[in-house]
Amino acid sequence: MRIYNVAGYALLVGHALLSALLAPPELVDWRGLVFGTSYLVFIWLLTGVYLSDVLHLGIAHRALDFKDPFVKVLALLNNTVGIYINPRTWVNRHRHHHAFSDQPGDPNKLSGDGFWKTLYLCVAPYPCQSDLARDPILDTWALRLAASPALAVFSQLSSYAVLWLLVRDWTYALALWVSVRVVGLWVNMVQNFWTHDRRFGVRRYDDADDNAMNIGDWLPVTATLSACWQNNHHHYPHLLRLSHDPAEYDFGFLTVRFMKALGLVRASRTGAQLPKDVPLRDLGF
C-alpha cells in the first residue's frame, strides 16, 4: 500500500468519523455521515474544477477556453464558500513552477526539499521572481475581487458561516470545515511532493532535469482531478488532457468533457494539438 494512498484513505475515514460522531441531535446516526460526506464532495468538486480545470488548464496553460462569465462566477463562488485560492498568485506560482521545476525559482518545492519542508511550502511558498500572470481575465472586476486580501480574510468567515447556517452547531461545523481543509492539504502534497519525488510513481518521459512523476492510482487521480499525471503534464504542459494513454484513468478530463457538453468550454488552438509521440488516436474532445 503506497504511503500517499494510506494517508488519503486515513483522512477520508477520519472525516467520516467526525461527520458521524460529532453530529448534532438532528443529524444523528447515518444523517451526520451523509451530510459530512456530501459537504466534502461538494467542496472537492467546487474547488477542484476551479483550480485544476479553470485556473490550471484554462488560465495558466491556456489549453482550454472557458466562458468568461463561468470563470467569474466560479471564482467568486469558490472563494466565498469553498477553499480560498487567489487566482492571480496561483497562476503566477504555477507558471514559475513549470519554468523552474524542482530547481531554484520553483515556488512549490526544490529538489532537495523533503516532506515537511514541502508541507510548509504549501502554506508559505517560496517567492516568485517575477509577475507571469498578466492575463486579461485576471484584470476583470470579478477576478480582481477574488484575488483581494479582503476577500481572502472574508472567505474564511463566509465559508464557515455558510456551513454553520446549514447545521446550526459550532463544533460540528468547525470540525467539518477543518477536516475538509486537511484533506485539501493532502491533495496539495500529492501534487507538490509525491509526484515530484522519483521514489514514487512512474515516468513515461525521461526528462532529466525534471522530477515530475505519474501517479495513476484511483484515489490520487480522482482527488486531484488528474493533476497527479505530472510527468505527462510537464512534458506537454499545453495539452488539454493530462492522460496520454487510453489506459490511464483521467477523472479531470471527464469533468472537462462534461463542461464542454454544457457549452462552458472549448479547446484552445494549442490545447487541441496532439503530439505525435502521445499514444492516443485523438484527444477525445
C-alpha atoms as a PDB file:
ATOM      1  CA  MET A   1       0.000   0.000   0.000  1.00  0.00           C
ATOM      2  CA  ARG A   2       1.547   3.287  -1.094  1.00  0.00           C
ATOM      3  CA  ILE A   3       2.005   5.935   1.600  1.00  0.00           C
ATOM      4  CA  TYR A   4       0.034   8.607  -0.271  1.00  0.00           C
ATOM      5  CA  ASN A   5      -2.924   6.219  -0.547  1.00  0.00           C
ATOM      6  CA  VAL A   6      -2.667   5.297   3.138  1.00  0.00           C
ATOM      7  CA  ALA A   7      -2.667   8.960   4.108  1.00  0.00           C
ATOM      8  CA  GLY A   8      -5.558   9.781   1.796  1.00  0.00           C
ATOM      9  CA  TYR A   9      -7.823   6.946   2.863  1.00  0.00           C
ATOM     10  CA  ALA A  10      -6.986   7.602   6.545  1.00  0.00           C
ATOM     11  CA  LEU A  11      -8.072  11.230   6.162  1.00  0.00           C
ATOM     12  CA  LEU A  12     -11.312  10.160   4.476  1.00  0.00           C
ATOM     13  CA  VAL A  13     -12.061   7.688   7.262  1.00  0.00           C
ATOM     14  CA  GLY A  14     -11.269  10.365   9.832  1.00  0.00           C
ATOM     15  CA  HIS A  15     -13.625  12.795   8.115  1.00  0.00           C
ATOM     16  CA  ALA A  16     -16.366  10.163   8.078  1.00  0.00           C
ATOM     17  CA  LEU A  17     -15.903   9.507  11.808  1.00  0.00           C
ATOM     18  CA  LEU A  18     -16.047  13.212  12.629  1.00  0.00           C
ATOM     19  CA  SER A  19     -19.178  13.533  10.488  1.00  0.00           C
ATOM     20  CA  ALA A  20     -20.921  10.748  12.376  1.00  0.00           C
ATOM     21  CA  LEU A  21     -19.625  11.129  15.938  1.00  0.00           C
ATOM     22  CA  LEU A  22     -19.855  14.927  16.295  1.00  0.00           C
ATOM     23  CA  ALA A  23     -23.188  15.313  14.529  1.00  0.00           C
ATOM     24  CA  PRO A  24     -25.834  17.374  16.372  1.00  0.00           C
ATOM     25  CA  PRO A  25     -29.023  15.608  17.578  1.00  0.00           C
ATOM     26  CA  GLU A  26     -30.947  16.362  14.394  1.00  0.00           C
ATOM     27  CA  LEU A  27     -28.216  14.642  12.334  1.00  0.00           C
ATOM     28  CA  VAL A  28     -27.542  11.582  14.498  1.00  0.00           C
ATOM     29  CA  ASP A  29     -26.858   8.120  13.098  1.00  0.00           C
ATOM     30  CA  TRP A  30     -26.435   7.957   9.323  1.00  0.00           C
ATOM     31  CA  ARG A  31     -27.575  11.514   8.609  1.00  0.00           C
ATOM     32  CA  GLY A  32     -24.416  13.050  10.056  1.00  0.00           C
ATOM     33  CA  LEU A  33     -22.278  10.775   7.907  1.00  0.00           C
ATOM     34  CA  VAL A  34     -24.306  11.627   4.787  1.00  0.00           C
ATOM     35  CA  PHE A  35     -24.120  15.359   5.466  1.00  0.00           C
ATOM     36  CA  GLY A  36     -20.383  15.350   6.187  1.00  0.00           C
ATOM     37  CA  THR A  37     -19.636  13.259   3.106  1.00  0.00           C
ATOM     38  CA  SER A  38     -21.836  15.468   0.925  1.00  0.00           C
ATOM     39  CA  TYR A  39     -20.055  18.588   2.183  1.00  0.00           C
ATOM     40  CA  LEU A  40     -16.658  17.063   1.407  1.00  0.00           C
ATOM     41  CA  VAL A  41     -17.742  16.044  -2.106  1.00  0.00           C
ATOM     42  CA  PHE A  42     -19.224  19.492  -2.782  1.00  0.00           C
ATOM     43  CA  ILE A  43     -16.067  21.366  -1.710  1.00  0.00           C
ATOM     44  CA  TRP A  44     -13.838  18.882  -3.556  1.00  0.00           C
ATOM     45  CA  LEU A  45     -15.722  19.319  -6.830  1.00  0.00           C
ATOM     46  CA  LEU A  46     -16.131  23.083  -6.497  1.00  0.00           C
ATOM     47  CA  THR A  47     -12.506  23.779  -5.607  1.00  0.00           C
ATOM     48  CA  GLY A  48     -11.219  21.044  -7.906  1.00  0.00           C
ATOM     49  CA  VAL A  49     -12.954  22.380 -11.004  1.00  0.00           C
ATOM     50  CA  TYR A  50     -11.959  25.948 -10.114  1.00  0.00           C
ATOM     51  CA  LEU A  51      -8.306  25.053  -9.515  1.00  0.00           C
ATOM     52  CA  SER A  52      -7.480  22.046 -11.695  1.00  0.00           C
ATOM     53  CA  ASP A  53      -9.645  22.841 -14.705  1.00  0.00           C
ATOM     54  CA  VAL A  54     -10.169  26.607 -14.828  1.00  0.00           C
ATOM     55  CA  LEU A  55      -7.073  28.147 -13.197  1.00  0.00           C
ATOM     56  CA  HIS A  56      -4.723  25.355 -14.264  1.00  0.00           C
ATOM     57  CA  LEU A  57      -5.663  24.216 -17.769  1.00  0.00           C
ATOM     58  CA  GLY A  58      -7.758  27.249 -18.622  1.00  0.00           C
ATOM     59  CA  ILE A  59      -5.731  30.258 -17.478  1.00  0.00           C
ATOM     60  CA  ALA A  60      -2.224  29.106 -16.507  1.00  0.00           C
ATOM     61  CA  HIS A  61      -1.659  26.900 -19.593  1.00  0.00           C
ATOM     62  CA  ARG A  62      -4.286  28.313 -21.973  1.00  0.00           C
ATOM     63  CA  ALA A  63      -5.134  24.782 -23.065  1.00  0.00           C
ATOM     64  CA  LEU A  64      -8.865  25.418 -22.627  1.00  0.00           C
ATOM     65  CA  ASP A  65     -11.028  28.462 -23.310  1.00  0.00           C
ATOM     66  CA  PHE A  66     -13.728  28.765 -20.650  1.00  0.00           C
ATOM     67  CA  LYS A  67     -16.639  31.171 -20.950  1.00  0.00           C
ATOM     68  CA  ASP A  68     -15.714  34.344 -19.069  1.00  0.00           C
ATOM     69  CA  PRO A  69     -18.979  34.553 -17.060  1.00  0.00           C
ATOM     70  CA  PHE A  70     -18.474  30.963 -15.885  1.00  0.00           C
ATOM     71  CA  VAL A  71     -14.909  31.730 -14.754  1.00  0.00           C
ATOM     72  CA  LYS A  72     -16.046  34.816 -12.832  1.00  0.00           C
ATOM     73  CA  VAL A  73     -18.980  33.120 -11.105  1.00  0.00           C
ATOM     74  CA  LEU A  74     -16.895  30.075 -10.205  1.00  0.00           C
ATOM     75  CA  ALA A  75     -14.047  32.194  -8.795  1.00  0.00           C
ATOM     76  CA  LEU A  76     -16.382  34.202  -6.564  1.00  0.00           C
ATOM     77  CA  LEU A  77     -18.417  31.162  -5.504  1.00  0.00           C
ATOM     78  CA  ASN A  78     -15.366  29.097  -4.590  1.00  0.00           C
ATOM     79  CA  ASN A  79     -13.699  31.979  -2.774  1.00  0.00           C
ATOM     80  CA  THR A  80     -16.724  32.607  -0.578  1.00  0.00           C
ATOM     81  CA  VAL A  81     -17.979  29.103   0.257  1.00  0.00           C
ATOM     82  CA  GLY A  82     -15.080  26.820  -0.762  1.00  0.00           C
ATOM     83  CA  ILE A  83     -11.341  26.756  -0.039  1.00  0.00           C
ATOM     84  CA  TYR A  84      -9.896  30.166  -0.853  1.00  0.00           C
ATOM     85  CA  ILE A  85      -7.356  30.272  -3.715  1.00  0.00           C
ATOM     86  CA  ASN A  86      -6.016  33.582  -5.008  1.00  0.00           C
ATOM     87  CA  PRO A  87      -6.301  33.249  -8.822  1.00  0.00           C
ATOM     88  CA  ARG A  88      -3.520  35.703  -9.689  1.00  0.00           C
ATOM     89  CA  THR A  89      -0.879  34.423  -7.270  1.00  0.00           C
ATOM     90  CA  TRP A  90      -1.723  30.788  -8.040  1.00  0.00           C
ATOM     91  CA  VAL A  91      -1.351  31.256 -11.808  1.00  0.00           C
ATOM     92  CA  ASN A  92       1.900  33.153 -11.260  1.00  0.00           C
ATOM     93  CA  ARG A  93       3.315  30.445  -8.986  1.00  0.00           C
ATOM     94  CA  HIS A  94       2.286  27.670 -11.346  1.00  0.00           C
ATOM     95  CA  ARG A  95       3.997  29.267 -14.326  1.00  0.00           C
ATOM     96  CA  HIS A  96       7.147  29.677 -12.237  1.00  0.00           C
ATOM     97  CA  HIS A  97       6.799  26.026 -11.214  1.00  0.00           C
ATOM     98  CA  HIS A  98       6.903  24.905 -14.845  1.00  0.00           C
ATOM     99  CA  ALA A  99       9.701  27.293 -15.747  1.00  0.00           C
ATOM    100  CA  PHE A 100      11.926  26.167 -12.841  1.00  0.00           C
ATOM    101  CA  SER A 101      10.505  22.760 -11.893  1.00  0.00           C
ATOM    102  CA  ASP A 102      12.233  21.445  -8.731  1.00  0.00           C
ATOM    103  CA  GLN A 103      15.044  23.963  -9.255  1.00  0.00           C
ATOM    104  CA  PRO A 104      15.818  27.392  -7.726  1.00  0.00           C
ATOM    105  CA  GLY A 105      12.953  29.636  -8.773  1.00  0.00           C
ATOM    106  CA  ASP A 106      10.256  26.972  -8.268  1.00  0.00           C
ATOM    107  CA  PRO A 107       7.966  28.334  -5.508  1.00  0.00           C
ATOM    108  CA  ASN A 108       6.482  24.913  -4.715  1.00  0.00           C
ATOM    109  CA  LYS A 109       9.476  22.706  -3.978  1.00  0.00           C
ATOM    110  CA  LEU A 110      13.202  22.449  -4.585  1.00  0.00           C
ATOM    111  CA  SER A 111      14.734  19.104  -5.498  1.00  0.00           C
ATOM    112  CA  GLY A 112      16.192  18.587  -2.026  1.00  0.00           C
ATOM    113  CA  ASP A 113      13.125  19.624  -0.039  1.00  0.00           C
ATOM    114  CA  GLY A 114      11.656  16.799   1.999  1.00  0.00           C
ATOM    115  CA  PHE A 115       8.121  16.040   3.132  1.00  0.00           C
ATOM    116  CA  TRP A 116       7.903  18.523   5.996  1.00  0.00           C
ATOM    117  CA  LYS A 117       9.511  21.389   4.123  1.00  0.00           C
ATOM    118  CA  THR A 118       7.155  20.831   1.169  1.00  0.00           C
ATOM    119  CA  LEU A 119       4.210  20.721   3.568  1.00  0.00           C
ATOM    120  CA  TYR A 120       5.265  24.100   4.929  1.00  0.00           C
ATOM    121  CA  LEU A 121       5.659  25.440   1.378  1.00  0.00           C
ATOM    122  CA  CYS A 122       2.043  24.526   0.627  1.00  0.00           C
ATOM    123  CA  VAL A 123       1.123  27.292   3.081  1.00  0.00           C
ATOM    124  CA  ALA A 124       4.076  29.661   2.610  1.00  0.00           C
ATOM    125  CA  PRO A 125       5.689  29.026  -0.814  1.00  0.00           C
ATOM    126  CA  TYR A 126       8.998  30.436  -1.988  1.00  0.00           C
ATOM    127  CA  PRO A 127       8.645  33.937  -3.502  1.00  0.00           C
ATOM    128  CA  CYS A 128       8.237  34.231  -7.255  1.00  0.00           C
ATOM    129  CA  GLN A 129      10.936  36.019  -9.221  1.00  0.00           C
ATOM    130  CA  SER A 130       8.616  37.998 -11.490  1.00  0.00           C
ATOM    131  CA  ASP A 131       4.988  38.560 -12.489  1.00  0.00           C
ATOM    132  CA  LEU A 132       3.937  35.978 -15.068  1.00  0.00           C
ATOM    133  CA  ALA A 133       0.185  36.405 -14.517  1.00  0.00           C
ATOM    134  CA  ARG A 134      -0.904  39.258 -16.784  1.00  0.00           C
ATOM    135  CA  ASP A 135      -3.853  37.600 -18.485  1.00  0.00           C
ATOM    136  CA  PRO A 136      -6.782  39.952 -19.270  1.00  0.00           C
ATOM    137  CA  ILE A 137      -9.245  37.727 -17.389  1.00  0.00           C
ATOM    138  CA  LEU A 138      -7.268  38.318 -14.181  1.00  0.00           C
ATOM    139  CA  ASP A 139      -7.826  42.068 -14.548  1.00  0.00           C
ATOM    140  CA  THR A 140     -11.625  41.805 -14.671  1.00  0.00           C
ATOM    141  CA  TRP A 141     -13.501  43.071 -11.608  1.00  0.00           C
ATOM    142  CA  ALA A 142     -14.539  39.584 -10.513  1.00  0.00           C
ATOM    143  CA  LEU A 143     -11.053  38.079 -10.601  1.00  0.00           C
ATOM    144  CA  ARG A 144      -9.534  41.202  -9.005  1.00  0.00           C
ATOM    145  CA  LEU A 145     -12.081  40.861  -6.201  1.00  0.00           C
ATOM    146  CA  ALA A 146     -11.311  37.136  -5.907  1.00  0.00           C
ATOM    147  CA  ALA A 147      -7.615  37.999  -5.559  1.00  0.00           C
ATOM    148  CA  SER A 148      -8.076  40.768  -2.985  1.00  0.00           C
ATOM    149  CA  PRO A 149      -6.692  40.424   0.572  1.00  0.00           C
ATOM    150  CA  ALA A 150     -10.076  41.489   1.924  1.00  0.00           C
ATOM    151  CA  LEU A 151     -11.833  38.554   0.252  1.00  0.00           C
ATOM    152  CA  ALA A 152      -9.077  36.198   1.425  1.00  0.00           C
ATOM    153  CA  VAL A 153      -9.981  37.119   5.023  1.00  0.00           C
ATOM    154  CA  PHE A 154     -13.730  37.255   4.408  1.00  0.00           C
ATOM    155  CA  SER A 155     -13.617  33.820   2.741  1.00  0.00           C
ATOM    156  CA  GLN A 156     -12.535  32.123   5.956  1.00  0.00           C
ATOM    157  CA  LEU A 157     -15.532  33.598   7.754  1.00  0.00           C
ATOM    158  CA  SER A 158     -18.087  33.189   4.982  1.00  0.00           C
ATOM    159  CA  SER A 159     -17.171  29.580   4.182  1.00  0.00           C
ATOM    160  CA  TYR A 160     -17.539  28.661   7.858  1.00  0.00           C
ATOM    161  CA  ALA A 161     -20.720  30.736   8.288  1.00  0.00           C
ATOM    162  CA  VAL A 162     -22.457  29.003   5.364  1.00  0.00           C
ATOM    163  CA  LEU A 163     -21.663  25.619   6.880  1.00  0.00           C
ATOM    164  CA  TRP A 164     -22.861  26.738  10.315  1.00  0.00           C
ATOM    165  CA  LEU A 165     -26.139  28.003   8.849  1.00  0.00           C
ATOM    166  CA  LEU A 166     -26.737  24.510   7.467  1.00  0.00           C
ATOM    167  CA  VAL A 167     -26.054  22.603  10.714  1.00  0.00           C
ATOM    168  CA  ARG A 168     -26.523  25.271  13.465  1.00  0.00           C
ATOM    169  CA  ASP A 169     -23.808  23.644  15.568  1.00  0.00           C
ATOM    170  CA  TRP A 170     -20.495  25.483  16.121  1.00  0.00           C
ATOM    171  CA  THR A 171     -18.402  22.428  16.990  1.00  0.00           C
ATOM    172  CA  TYR A 172     -19.703  20.220  14.198  1.00  0.00           C
ATOM    173  CA  ALA A 173     -19.316  22.962  11.608  1.00  0.00           C
ATOM    174  CA  LEU A 174     -15.751  23.705  12.739  1.00  0.00           C
ATOM    175  CA  ALA A 175     -14.795  20.012  12.674  1.00  0.00           C
ATOM    176  CA  LEU A 176     -16.029  19.583   9.086  1.00  0.00           C
ATOM    177  CA  TRP A 177     -14.535  22.919   7.984  1.00  0.00           C
ATOM    178  CA  VAL A 178     -11.084  21.984   9.308  1.00  0.00           C
ATOM    179  CA  SER A 179     -11.257  18.367   8.129  1.00  0.00           C
ATOM    180  CA  VAL A 180     -12.047  19.343   4.539  1.00  0.00           C
ATOM    181  CA  ARG A 181      -9.033  21.674   4.505  1.00  0.00           C
ATOM    182  CA  VAL A 182      -6.759  18.963   5.877  1.00  0.00           C
ATOM    183  CA  VAL A 183      -7.909  16.716   3.015  1.00  0.00           C
ATOM    184  CA  GLY A 184      -7.181  19.621   0.669  1.00  0.00           C
ATOM    185  CA  LEU A 185      -3.665  19.875   2.106  1.00  0.00           C
ATOM    186  CA  TRP A 186      -3.139  16.173   1.334  1.00  0.00           C
ATOM    187  CA  VAL A 187      -4.274  16.815  -2.257  1.00  0.00           C
ATOM    188  CA  ASN A 188      -1.719  19.623  -2.442  1.00  0.00           C
ATOM    189  CA  MET A 189       1.006  17.292  -1.166  1.00  0.00           C
ATOM    190  CA  VAL A 190       0.154  14.680  -3.810  1.00  0.00           C
ATOM    191  CA  GLN A 191       0.749  17.326  -6.467  1.00  0.00           C
ATOM    192  CA  ASN A 192       3.734  19.113  -4.905  1.00  0.00           C
ATOM    193  CA  PHE A 193       5.606  16.315  -3.107  1.00  0.00           C
ATOM    194  CA  TRP A 194       4.723  12.749  -4.088  1.00  0.00           C
ATOM    195  CA  THR A 195       4.526  13.479  -7.816  1.00  0.00           C
ATOM    196  CA  HIS A 196       7.826  15.376  -7.649  1.00  0.00           C
ATOM    197  CA  ASP A 197       9.881  12.721  -5.886  1.00  0.00           C
ATOM    198  CA  ARG A 198      11.388   9.978  -8.052  1.00  0.00           C
ATOM    199  CA  ARG A 199      10.809   7.379  -5.345  1.00  0.00           C
ATOM    200  CA  PHE A 200       7.090   7.456  -6.140  1.00  0.00           C
ATOM    201  CA  GLY A 201       5.150   6.837  -9.333  1.00  0.00           C
ATOM    202  CA  VAL A 202       6.474   6.106 -12.811  1.00  0.00           C
ATOM    203  CA  ARG A 203       7.851   8.117 -15.733  1.00  0.00           C
ATOM    204  CA  ARG A 204       6.667   7.992 -19.330  1.00  0.00           C
ATOM    205  CA  TYR A 205       9.099  10.700 -20.452  1.00  0.00           C
ATOM    206  CA  ASP A 206      12.706  10.718 -19.245  1.00  0.00           C
ATOM    207  CA  ASP A 207      13.190  14.453 -18.828  1.00  0.00           C
ATOM    208  CA  ALA A 208      16.498  14.583 -16.989  1.00  0.00           C
ATOM    209  CA  ASP A 209      16.112  17.992 -15.320  1.00  0.00           C
ATOM    210  CA  ASP A 210      12.545  17.424 -14.158  1.00  0.00           C
ATOM    211  CA  ASN A 211      11.494  15.183 -11.268  1.00  0.00           C
ATOM    212  CA  ALA A 212       7.813  15.036 -12.236  1.00  0.00           C
ATOM    213  CA  MET A 213       6.266  11.572 -11.881  1.00  0.00           C
ATOM    214  CA  ASN A 214       2.997   9.946 -12.928  1.00  0.00           C
ATOM    215  CA  ILE A 215       0.827   8.573 -10.132  1.00  0.00           C
ATOM    216  CA  GLY A 216      -2.155   6.733 -11.579  1.00  0.00           C
ATOM    217  CA  ASP A 217      -3.860   5.238  -8.508  1.00  0.00           C
ATOM    218  CA  TRP A 218      -7.617   5.774  -8.344  1.00  0.00           C
ATOM    219  CA  LEU A 219      -7.743   7.946  -5.218  1.00  0.00           C
ATOM    220  CA  PRO A 220      -4.989  10.460  -6.114  1.00  0.00           C
ATOM    221  CA  VAL A 221      -6.245  10.807  -9.703  1.00  0.00           C
ATOM    222  CA  THR A 222      -9.813  11.367  -8.532  1.00  0.00           C
ATOM    223  CA  ALA A 223      -8.885  13.692  -5.679  1.00  0.00           C
ATOM    224  CA  THR A 224      -6.590  15.888  -7.795  1.00  0.00           C
ATOM    225  CA  LEU A 225      -8.803  15.828 -10.901  1.00  0.00           C
ATOM    226  CA  SER A 226      -5.903  14.079 -12.668  1.00  0.00           C
ATOM    227  CA  ALA A 227      -3.211  16.591 -11.645  1.00  0.00           C
ATOM    228  CA  CYS A 228      -1.046  13.686 -10.446  1.00  0.00           C
ATOM    229  CA  TRP A 229      -0.202  12.752 -14.069  1.00  0.00           C
ATOM    230  CA  GLN A 230       2.664  15.195 -13.585  1.00  0.00           C
ATOM    231  CA  ASN A 231       5.280  13.574 -15.825  1.00  0.00           C
ATOM    232  CA  ASN A 232       2.839  13.638 -18.743  1.00  0.00           C
ATOM    233  CA  HIS A 233       1.822  17.189 -17.962  1.00  0.00           C
ATOM    234  CA  HIS A 234       5.325  18.585 -17.543  1.00  0.00           C
ATOM    235  CA  HIS A 235       6.415  17.076 -20.849  1.00  0.00           C
ATOM    236  CA  TYR A 236       3.451  18.616 -22.734  1.00  0.00           C
ATOM    237  CA  PRO A 237       2.083  21.356 -20.436  1.00  0.00           C
ATOM    238  CA  HIS A 238      -0.193  22.938 -23.073  1.00  0.00           C
ATOM    239  CA  LEU A 239      -2.144  19.760 -23.911  1.00  0.00           C
ATOM    240  CA  LEU A 240      -5.777  19.917 -22.782  1.00  0.00           C
ATOM    241  CA  ARG A 241      -5.662  16.496 -21.108  1.00  0.00           C
ATOM    242  CA  LEU A 242      -3.149  15.047 -18.637  1.00  0.00           C
ATOM    243  CA  SER A 243      -3.562  11.368 -19.503  1.00  0.00           C
ATOM    244  CA  HIS A 244      -1.516  10.297 -22.527  1.00  0.00           C
ATOM    245  CA  ASP A 245      -2.763   6.746 -22.959  1.00  0.00           C
ATOM    246  CA  PRO A 246      -6.292   5.280 -23.211  1.00  0.00           C
ATOM    247  CA  ALA A 247      -5.438   3.023 -20.259  1.00  0.00           C
ATOM    248  CA  GLU A 248      -4.712   5.987 -17.974  1.00  0.00           C
ATOM    249  CA  TYR A 249      -7.667   6.881 -15.753  1.00  0.00           C
ATOM    250  CA  ASP A 250      -8.412  10.596 -16.149  1.00  0.00           C
ATOM    251  CA  PHE A 251     -11.189  11.932 -13.928  1.00  0.00           C
ATOM    252  CA  GLY A 252     -10.251  15.545 -14.611  1.00  0.00           C
ATOM    253  CA  PHE A 253     -10.783  15.078 -18.339  1.00  0.00           C
ATOM    254  CA  LEU A 254     -14.247  13.669 -17.629  1.00  0.00           C
ATOM    255  CA  THR A 255     -15.177  16.887 -15.823  1.00  0.00           C
ATOM    256  CA  VAL A 256     -13.853  18.962 -18.740  1.00  0.00           C
ATOM    257  CA  ARG A 257     -15.869  16.925 -21.240  1.00  0.00           C
ATOM    258  CA  PHE A 258     -18.969  17.396 -19.095  1.00  0.00           C
ATOM    259  CA  MET A 259     -18.456  21.167 -19.061  1.00  0.00           C
ATOM    260  CA  LYS A 260     -17.956  21.106 -22.828  1.00  0.00           C
ATOM    261  CA  ALA A 261     -21.324  19.352 -23.195  1.00  0.00           C
ATOM    262  CA  LEU A 262     -22.836  22.251 -21.233  1.00  0.00           C
ATOM    263  CA  GLY A 263     -21.215  24.754 -23.603  1.00  0.00           C
ATOM    264  CA  LEU A 264     -18.898  26.193 -20.940  1.00  0.00           C
ATOM    265  CA  VAL A 265     -15.544  25.419 -22.544  1.00  0.00           C
ATOM    266  CA  ARG A 266     -13.822  24.697 -25.831  1.00  0.00           C
ATOM    267  CA  ALA A 267     -10.309  23.638 -26.772  1.00  0.00           C
ATOM    268  CA  SER A 268      -7.717  26.302 -27.422  1.00  0.00           C
ATOM    269  CA  ARG A 269      -5.538  26.132 -30.521  1.00  0.00           C
ATOM    270  CA  THR A 270      -2.523  24.862 -28.548  1.00  0.00           C
ATOM    271  CA  GLY A 271      -4.581  22.615 -26.282  1.00  0.00           C
ATOM    272  CA  ALA A 272      -6.014  20.725 -29.256  1.00  0.00           C
ATOM    273  CA  GLN A 273      -2.621  19.916 -30.827  1.00  0.00           C
ATOM    274  CA  LEU A 274      -1.906  16.220 -30.219  1.00  0.00           C
ATOM    275  CA  PRO A 275       1.855  15.464 -30.245  1.00  0.00           C
ATOM    276  CA  LYS A 276       2.895  12.527 -32.409  1.00  0.00           C
ATOM    277  CA  ASP A 277       4.595  10.597 -29.593  1.00  0.00           C
ATOM    278  CA  VAL A 278       1.495  10.605 -27.360  1.00  0.00           C
ATOM    279  CA  PRO A 279      -0.158   7.162 -27.733  1.00  0.00           C
ATOM    280  CA  LEU A 280      -3.690   8.479 -28.294  1.00  0.00           C
ATOM    281  CA  ARG A 281      -5.555   8.204 -31.584  1.00  0.00           C
ATOM    282  CA  ASP A 282      -7.262  11.507 -30.812  1.00  0.00           C
ATOM    283  CA  LEU A 283      -7.876  13.761 -27.824  1.00  0.00           C
ATOM    284  CA  GLY A 284     -11.429  12.534 -27.324  1.00  0.00           C
ATOM    285  CA  PHE A 285     -12.659  16.100 -27.074  1.00  0.00           C
END
